[in-house]
Amino acid sequence: MAKKTVASLQKGEGKAFTKVIKMVKSEKTNSYTFKEEMVANEAVNDYFKK
């Protein structure tokens, strides 16, 4: 299934977005979780700065 998702993003406007994965530390359990989002190519650096 992942191949279909990736293949569909390669056509048209999907090339304008990047999937970013950020590691976030939980304050309650002190464990790390991963936060995934689709972000416009121009906003990738801003996403990691916040």
C-alpha atoms as a PDB file:
ATOM      1  CA  MET A   1       0.000   0.000   0.000  1.00  0.00           C
ATOM      2  CA  ALA A   2       2.815   2.401   0.737  1.00  0.00           C
ATOM      3  CA  LYS A   3       3.994   2.172  -2.846  1.00  0.00           C
ATOM      4  CA  LYS A   4       0.642   3.433  -4.113  1.00  0.00           C
ATOM      5  CA  THR A   5       0.765   6.415  -1.750  1.00  0.00           C
ATOM      6  CA  VAL A   6       4.302   7.327  -2.752  1.00  0.00           C
ATOM      7  CA  ALA A   7       3.555   6.839  -6.427  1.00  0.00           C
ATOM      8  CA  SER A   8       0.506   9.098  -6.257  1.00  0.00           C
ATOM      9  CA  LEU A   9       2.556  11.851  -4.595  1.00  0.00           C
ATOM     10  CA  GLN A  10       5.063  11.818  -7.480  1.00  0.00           C
ATOM     11  CA  LYS A  11       2.422  13.036  -9.933  1.00  0.00           C
ATOM     12  CA  GLY A  12       1.082  16.564 -10.142  1.00  0.00           C
ATOM     13  CA  GLU A  13       1.188  18.684  -7.010  1.00  0.00           C
ATOM     14  CA  GLY A  14       2.523  15.957  -4.719  1.00  0.00           C
ATOM     15  CA  LYS A  15       6.091  17.001  -5.542  1.00  0.00           C
ATOM     16  CA  ALA A  16       5.490  20.291  -3.723  1.00  0.00           C
ATOM     17  CA  PHE A  17       5.227  18.512  -0.350  1.00  0.00           C
ATOM     18  CA  THR A  18       7.670  16.650   1.884  1.00  0.00           C
ATOM     19  CA  LYS A  19       6.881  14.155   4.621  1.00  0.00           C
ATOM     20  CA  VAL A  20       8.699  15.247   7.777  1.00  0.00           C
ATOM     21  CA  ILE A  21       9.178  13.207  10.936  1.00  0.00           C
ATOM     22  CA  LYS A  22      10.023  14.983  14.181  1.00  0.00           C
ATOM     23  CA  MET A  23      10.978  13.331  17.471  1.00  0.00           C
ATOM     24  CA  VAL A  24       9.115  14.857  20.421  1.00  0.00           C
ATOM     25  CA  LYS A  25       9.764  14.103  24.090  1.00  0.00           C
ATOM     26  CA  SER A  26       6.703  13.505  26.266  1.00  0.00           C
ATOM     27  CA  GLU A  27       6.704  15.440  29.514  1.00  0.00           C
ATOM     28  CA  LYS A  28       4.598  12.876  31.375  1.00  0.00           C
ATOM     29  CA  THR A  29       6.527   9.702  30.615  1.00  0.00           C
ATOM     30  CA  ASN A  30       9.910  11.064  29.460  1.00  0.00           C
ATOM     31  CA  SER A  31       9.659   8.859  26.391  1.00  0.00           C
ATOM     32  CA  TYR A  32       9.996   9.956  22.776  1.00  0.00           C
ATOM     33  CA  THR A  33       7.248   9.881  20.176  1.00  0.00           C
ATOM     34  CA  PHE A  34       7.420  10.562  16.483  1.00  0.00           C
ATOM     35  CA  LYS A  35       5.241  13.208  14.862  1.00  0.00           C
ATOM     36  CA  GLU A  36       4.723  12.862  11.094  1.00  0.00           C
ATOM     37  CA  GLU A  37       3.310  15.584   8.848  1.00  0.00           C
ATOM     38  CA  MET A  38       3.150  16.573   5.208  1.00  0.00           C
ATOM     39  CA  VAL A  39       4.699  20.041   4.820  1.00  0.00           C
ATOM     40  CA  ALA A  40       5.253  22.263   1.789  1.00  0.00           C
ATOM     41  CA  ASN A  41       8.855  22.143   0.536  1.00  0.00           C
ATOM     42  CA  GLU A  42       9.405  25.821   1.380  1.00  0.00           C
ATOM     43  CA  ALA A  43       8.265  25.364   4.997  1.00  0.00           C
ATOM     44  CA  VAL A  44      10.445  22.390   5.972  1.00  0.00           C
ATOM     45  CA  ASN A  45      13.122  24.457   7.731  1.00  0.00           C
ATOM     46  CA  ASP A  46      10.499  26.498   9.597  1.00  0.00           C
ATOM     47  CA  TYR A  47       8.815  23.286  10.757  1.00  0.00           C
ATOM     48  CA  PHE A  48      11.980  22.035  12.463  1.00  0.00           C
ATOM     49  CA  LYS A  49      12.794  25.429  14.024  1.00  0.00           C
ATOM     50  CA  LYS A  50       9.558  25.550  16.062  1.00  0.00           C
END
